[in-house]
Structures are given as structure tokens and as C-alpha cells.
Amino acid sequence: MRASDAERERVAETLREAVAEGRLEMDEFEQRLDATYKARTHGELEPLISDLPVPGGAVAPVAGRVPAAAGRAVAPMDWAGRIGGPATSTGGFAFWGGFSRKGRWTVGRIFTAFAMWGGGEIDLREARFEDREVVIRCFAIMGGIQVKVSPDVQLHVNGVGVMGGFDEQSKDADFGDPAPDAPRVRVTGFALMGGVGVDRKWSKAQRQRLKEAERPRLERWDEGRDD
């Protein structure tokens, strides 16, 4: 089956995460990334990530999609309680290696990330924010940087890719409008022969909270059917 641009980009994202975690050497990352963008079929894409820990495979349909009603019914986070306080990190640097910011940390008003022949991960889904508006500046040269945000933040992406990509993806569709009290995240920068990817998707913890919030509504619906 012919591969789509979205499927190629999902494979590229997996490779960027792998090099950031130290699972791939830089030369192998570059070879696989080049093969990814040249691939025309699923059969060409699958071997590129077959040895990497990607549940379900990158070319498979996105699993575990949160129902639209659940995403709109409850905010996965108390945004008001997550804004304010001193930053614990204002930047990340990778050269022939990787960096990662994820979990419970506080992102500064301006966070600058640089990756050359390496990779970086900036996960804001469980993070606190020094201010209501933060700017994530990403510069990737023959490397990759991945930014992950919750679907309900107010997001603006404005970057330039030269012989590479600076892309935004929404992996959890039908999440409704951004939460009114959510922070504003601006992602900007430059990618040269590399890539910067911005993903709007729920974390595992957020998915679980949404499922728990949706369960009573489904139980009431089942009871109504029994009546």
C-alpha cells in the first residue's frame, strides 16, 4: 500500500525520539531519516522502525483515540494551578547526543533548544509554566527536536525548514477548543537538514483521567438502554 505524507512524518518522529533517547547513532539516524522521506510504500517504512519501541507501529492507525465528548467534557489538567513559579529549565543542548525535558518540570518564559547531529525532547504535557505565555525556540541542524503539548493548550507554530521539516501534528483529533485558562505556547525556530516536530496529543496519564471522567456518562447511557 502507498504511504502518505503523514505516515512518513510519524516514522520520522519515531526516529527523532530514538536518537534523542540514545537508541540510534547519528549516522544511522540520518540514513533512516533519508530513507523515510524517500519511501513510497508501507513495506519500505516498516523496517525503518521495526527495532524501535513504538506500540502498534508508526504506520498503523492511531490507537486509543480519546472520544470527542470526553475531551470536551473535562479539562485533563488544572491549568490555573500550573502557571507561575521559578523556571527549572530555560534551554536544552545536544551535540552528538540528546537532551530531554519531560515529566514535572517548570518551563521558562523563553526556552531555547539546539540540536546538531543529535536530538532533543521537550514534553510540556505534565509541566508547569513560569508564565501564561511561553516561547519555545528550536534550532535543529542535521538533527531533530520533538515538542509535545496537550491538545487543549493555545498553540502557535511558526518555524522554517530548509531541506528538512518544521511541522505540527494533531494526533488526538476532536479535542475541542483550547481551554480558556490554558497557557499560550509559541514554537518558533529553524531546521536545516533536520526536523522540528510539534505534536498535540494526550499523555498516558491524561488519557486515563479522560477515560475516568467519561466512565459515569457511559454507565448512565448503558442504564438508559437497559430501561
Protein backbone atom coordinates (compact mmCIF):
# COMPACT_ATOMS: atom_id res chain seq x y z
CA MET A 1 0.00 0.00 0.00
CA ARG A 2 1.21 3.50 -0.79
CA ALA A 3 2.41 5.53 2.20
CA SER A 4 1.05 9.00 2.96
CA ASP A 5 2.99 12.11 3.97
CA ALA A 6 1.51 11.83 7.48
CA GLU A 7 2.78 8.25 7.83
CA ARG A 8 6.25 9.25 6.70
CA GLU A 9 6.26 12.07 9.23
CA ARG A 10 5.19 9.71 12.04
CA VAL A 11 8.13 7.44 11.20
CA ALA A 12 10.45 10.47 11.16
CA GLU A 13 9.14 11.47 14.60
CA THR A 14 9.86 7.98 15.93
CA LEU A 15 13.42 8.20 14.63
CA ARG A 16 13.94 11.62 16.23
CA GLU A 17 12.73 10.29 19.57
CA ALA A 18 15.03 7.27 19.21
CA VAL A 19 18.14 9.36 18.60
CA ALA A 20 17.19 11.65 21.50
CA GLU A 21 16.98 8.59 23.79
CA GLY A 22 20.31 7.22 22.55
CA ARG A 23 18.78 4.23 20.75
CA LEU A 24 20.24 5.27 17.39
CA GLU A 25 23.66 6.59 16.45
CA MET A 26 23.64 9.82 14.47
CA ASP A 27 24.84 8.27 11.20
CA GLU A 28 22.15 5.57 11.38
CA PHE A 29 19.52 8.20 12.23
CA GLU A 30 20.49 10.21 9.13
CA GLN A 31 20.36 7.13 6.89
CA ARG A 32 16.94 6.08 8.18
CA LEU A 33 15.55 9.61 8.01
CA ASP A 34 16.67 9.92 4.39
CA ALA A 35 15.10 6.55 3.58
CA THR A 36 11.87 7.63 5.34
CA TYR A 37 11.30 10.65 3.13
CA LYS A 38 12.13 8.60 0.01
CA ALA A 39 9.80 5.72 0.95
CA ARG A 40 6.72 5.21 -1.21
CA THR A 41 5.05 2.20 0.45
CA HIS A 42 4.30 0.84 3.94
CA GLY A 43 6.68 -2.02 3.21
CA GLU A 44 9.54 0.46 2.86
CA LEU A 45 8.63 2.31 6.05
CA GLU A 46 8.06 -0.56 8.46
CA PRO A 47 11.67 -1.91 8.56
CA LEU A 48 12.95 1.55 9.49
CA ILE A 49 11.29 1.38 12.94
CA SER A 50 10.78 -2.36 13.41
CA ASP A 51 13.52 -2.49 16.11
CA LEU A 52 12.30 0.61 17.97
CA PRO A 53 9.76 0.64 20.82
CA VAL A 54 6.74 2.06 19.04
CA PRO A 55 3.47 0.46 20.21
CA GLY A 56 1.46 -0.65 17.21
CA GLY A 57 3.97 0.58 14.64
CA ALA A 58 4.23 4.06 13.16
CA VAL A 59 2.24 3.29 10.02
CA ALA A 60 -0.69 1.74 11.87
CA PRO A 61 -3.82 3.78 12.63
CA VAL A 62 -3.53 5.85 15.79
CA ALA A 63 -4.89 3.71 18.61
CA GLY A 64 -6.52 4.75 21.84
CA ARG A 65 -8.09 7.91 20.41
CA VAL A 66 -9.95 9.81 23.09
CA PRO A 67 -13.66 10.22 22.30
CA ALA A 68 -14.61 13.75 21.31
CA ALA A 69 -17.20 14.01 24.06
CA ALA A 70 -14.65 13.02 26.69
CA GLY A 71 -12.12 15.60 25.51
CA ARG A 72 -14.70 18.38 25.66
CA ALA A 73 -16.33 17.27 28.89
CA VAL A 74 -13.41 17.78 31.24
CA ALA A 75 -10.05 19.51 31.21
CA PRO A 76 -7.25 16.97 31.80
CA MET A 77 -5.31 19.43 33.94
CA ASP A 78 -5.87 22.25 36.41
CA TRP A 79 -4.15 24.87 34.26
CA ALA A 80 -4.57 27.70 36.78
CA GLY A 81 -2.59 25.68 39.31
CA ARG A 82 0.21 25.01 36.85
CA ILE A 83 1.11 28.58 35.90
CA GLY A 84 3.62 30.52 37.98
CA GLY A 85 6.80 29.81 39.88
CA PRO A 86 10.51 29.90 39.00
CA ALA A 87 11.67 28.05 35.90
CA THR A 88 13.66 24.87 36.43
CA SER A 89 14.96 24.90 32.83
CA THR A 90 15.31 27.53 30.13
CA GLY A 91 17.15 25.56 27.48
CA GLY A 92 18.46 22.29 26.09
CA PHE A 93 21.57 21.48 24.05
CA ALA A 94 22.54 18.38 22.09
CA PHE A 95 25.69 17.77 20.05
CA TRP A 96 26.30 14.16 19.04
CA GLY A 97 23.87 13.22 21.77
CA GLY A 98 20.49 14.12 23.17
CA PHE A 99 18.57 16.00 25.84
CA SER A 100 15.16 15.51 27.37
CA ARG A 101 12.77 17.65 29.41
CA LYS A 102 9.65 15.81 30.50
CA GLY A 103 7.51 14.98 33.50
CA ARG A 104 7.08 17.52 36.32
CA TRP A 105 9.31 20.46 35.46
CA THR A 106 8.80 24.22 35.03
CA VAL A 107 9.47 25.68 31.59
CA GLY A 108 10.81 29.22 31.42
CA ARG A 109 9.16 32.11 29.60
CA ILE A 110 11.70 31.60 26.82
CA PHE A 111 13.13 28.12 26.30
CA THR A 112 15.87 27.72 23.69
CA ALA A 113 16.70 24.29 22.27
CA PHE A 114 19.60 23.44 19.96
CA ALA A 115 20.39 20.07 18.40
CA MET A 116 23.21 19.36 15.98
CA TRP A 117 23.87 15.76 14.96
CA GLY A 118 21.67 14.80 17.87
CA GLY A 119 18.15 15.05 19.19
CA GLY A 120 16.03 16.61 21.88
CA GLU A 121 12.63 16.07 23.51
CA ILE A 122 10.57 18.86 25.09
CA ASP A 123 7.43 17.44 26.71
CA LEU A 124 5.10 20.09 28.15
CA ARG A 125 2.13 17.84 28.87
CA GLU A 126 2.81 17.44 32.61
CA ALA A 127 4.97 20.54 33.02
CA ARG A 128 4.39 23.76 34.93
CA PHE A 129 4.79 27.14 33.21
CA GLU A 130 6.70 30.15 34.54
CA ASP A 131 4.27 32.45 32.74
CA ARG A 132 0.96 32.17 30.92
CA GLU A 133 2.78 32.65 27.60
CA VAL A 134 5.98 30.78 26.80
CA VAL A 135 8.15 30.75 23.68
CA ILE A 136 9.94 27.57 22.65
CA ARG A 137 12.79 28.38 20.25
CA CYS A 138 14.06 25.30 18.39
CA PHE A 139 17.16 25.15 16.19
CA ALA A 140 17.98 21.79 14.59
CA ILE A 141 20.94 21.21 12.25
CA MET A 142 21.14 17.67 10.89
CA GLY A 143 19.28 16.59 13.98
CA GLY A 144 15.79 16.50 15.44
CA ILE A 145 13.77 18.18 18.17
CA GLN A 146 10.35 16.97 19.29
CA VAL A 147 7.90 19.19 21.18
CA LYS A 148 4.83 17.60 22.80
CA VAL A 149 1.88 19.61 24.11
CA SER A 150 -1.60 18.79 25.36
CA PRO A 151 -4.31 19.28 22.72
CA ASP A 152 -6.11 21.89 24.85
CA VAL A 153 -3.25 24.42 25.05
CA GLN A 154 -3.26 27.54 22.90
CA LEU A 155 -0.56 26.69 20.37
CA HIS A 156 1.07 28.68 17.59
CA VAL A 157 3.82 27.16 15.41
CA ASN A 158 5.93 29.35 13.18
CA GLY A 159 9.25 27.87 12.05
CA VAL A 160 11.31 27.44 8.89
CA GLY A 161 12.63 24.19 7.46
CA VAL A 162 15.38 24.07 4.81
CA MET A 163 15.98 20.60 3.39
CA GLY A 164 14.09 19.43 6.45
CA GLY A 165 10.80 19.96 8.23
CA PHE A 166 9.17 22.20 10.84
CA ASP A 167 5.79 20.58 11.31
CA GLU A 168 2.75 20.44 13.58
CA GLN A 169 0.59 17.34 14.03
CA SER A 170 -2.62 16.69 15.95
CA LYS A 171 -2.65 13.05 16.97
CA ASP A 172 -5.80 13.36 19.09
CA ALA A 173 -8.49 14.87 16.90
CA ASP A 174 -11.83 16.24 18.09
CA PHE A 175 -10.40 17.67 21.30
CA GLY A 176 -12.49 20.82 21.08
CA ASP A 177 -11.37 24.39 21.59
CA PRO A 178 -8.31 25.27 23.72
CA ALA A 179 -9.07 25.64 27.42
CA PRO A 180 -9.64 29.33 28.28
CA ASP A 181 -7.21 29.21 31.21
CA ALA A 182 -4.55 27.19 29.35
CA PRO A 183 -1.13 28.71 28.65
CA ARG A 184 -0.16 30.05 25.24
CA VAL A 185 2.75 28.18 23.68
CA ARG A 186 4.60 29.63 20.69
CA VAL A 187 7.06 27.36 18.91
CA THR A 188 9.45 29.02 16.51
CA GLY A 189 12.89 28.41 15.06
CA PHE A 190 14.80 26.88 12.20
CA ALA A 191 15.60 23.39 10.92
CA LEU A 192 18.42 22.71 8.44
CA MET A 193 18.69 19.17 7.04
CA GLY A 194 16.85 18.02 10.12
CA GLY A 195 13.46 18.39 11.68
CA VAL A 196 11.38 20.01 14.39
CA GLY A 197 8.08 18.30 15.12
CA VAL A 198 5.27 19.62 17.32
CA ASP A 199 2.73 17.04 18.47
CA ARG A 200 -0.62 17.79 20.07
CA LYS A 201 -1.55 14.61 21.91
CA TRP A 202 -2.63 13.45 25.35
CA SER A 203 -0.13 11.75 27.64
CA LYS A 204 -0.96 8.33 29.08
CA ALA A 205 -1.89 9.93 32.42
CA GLN A 206 -4.17 12.44 30.69
CA ARG A 207 -5.84 9.69 28.67
CA GLN A 208 -6.54 7.80 31.88
CA ARG A 209 -8.07 10.87 33.53
CA LEU A 210 -10.27 11.46 30.49
CA LYS A 211 -11.42 7.85 30.50
CA GLU A 212 -12.27 8.03 34.20
CA ALA A 213 -14.23 11.25 33.63
CA GLU A 214 -16.11 9.67 30.72
CA ARG A 215 -16.98 6.44 32.54
CA PRO A 216 -20.00 7.79 34.52
CA ARG A 217 -21.57 9.18 31.33
CA LEU A 218 -21.18 5.82 29.58
CA GLU A 219 -22.61 3.99 32.59
CA ARG A 220 -25.67 6.27 32.56
CA TRP A 221 -26.05 5.64 28.82
CA ASP A 222 -25.94 1.85 29.39
CA GLU A 223 -28.52 2.13 32.17
CA GLY A 224 -30.81 4.06 29.83
CA ARG A 225 -30.54 1.29 27.24
CA ASP A 226 -31.47 -1.33 29.82
CA ASP A 227 -34.59 0.65 30.73
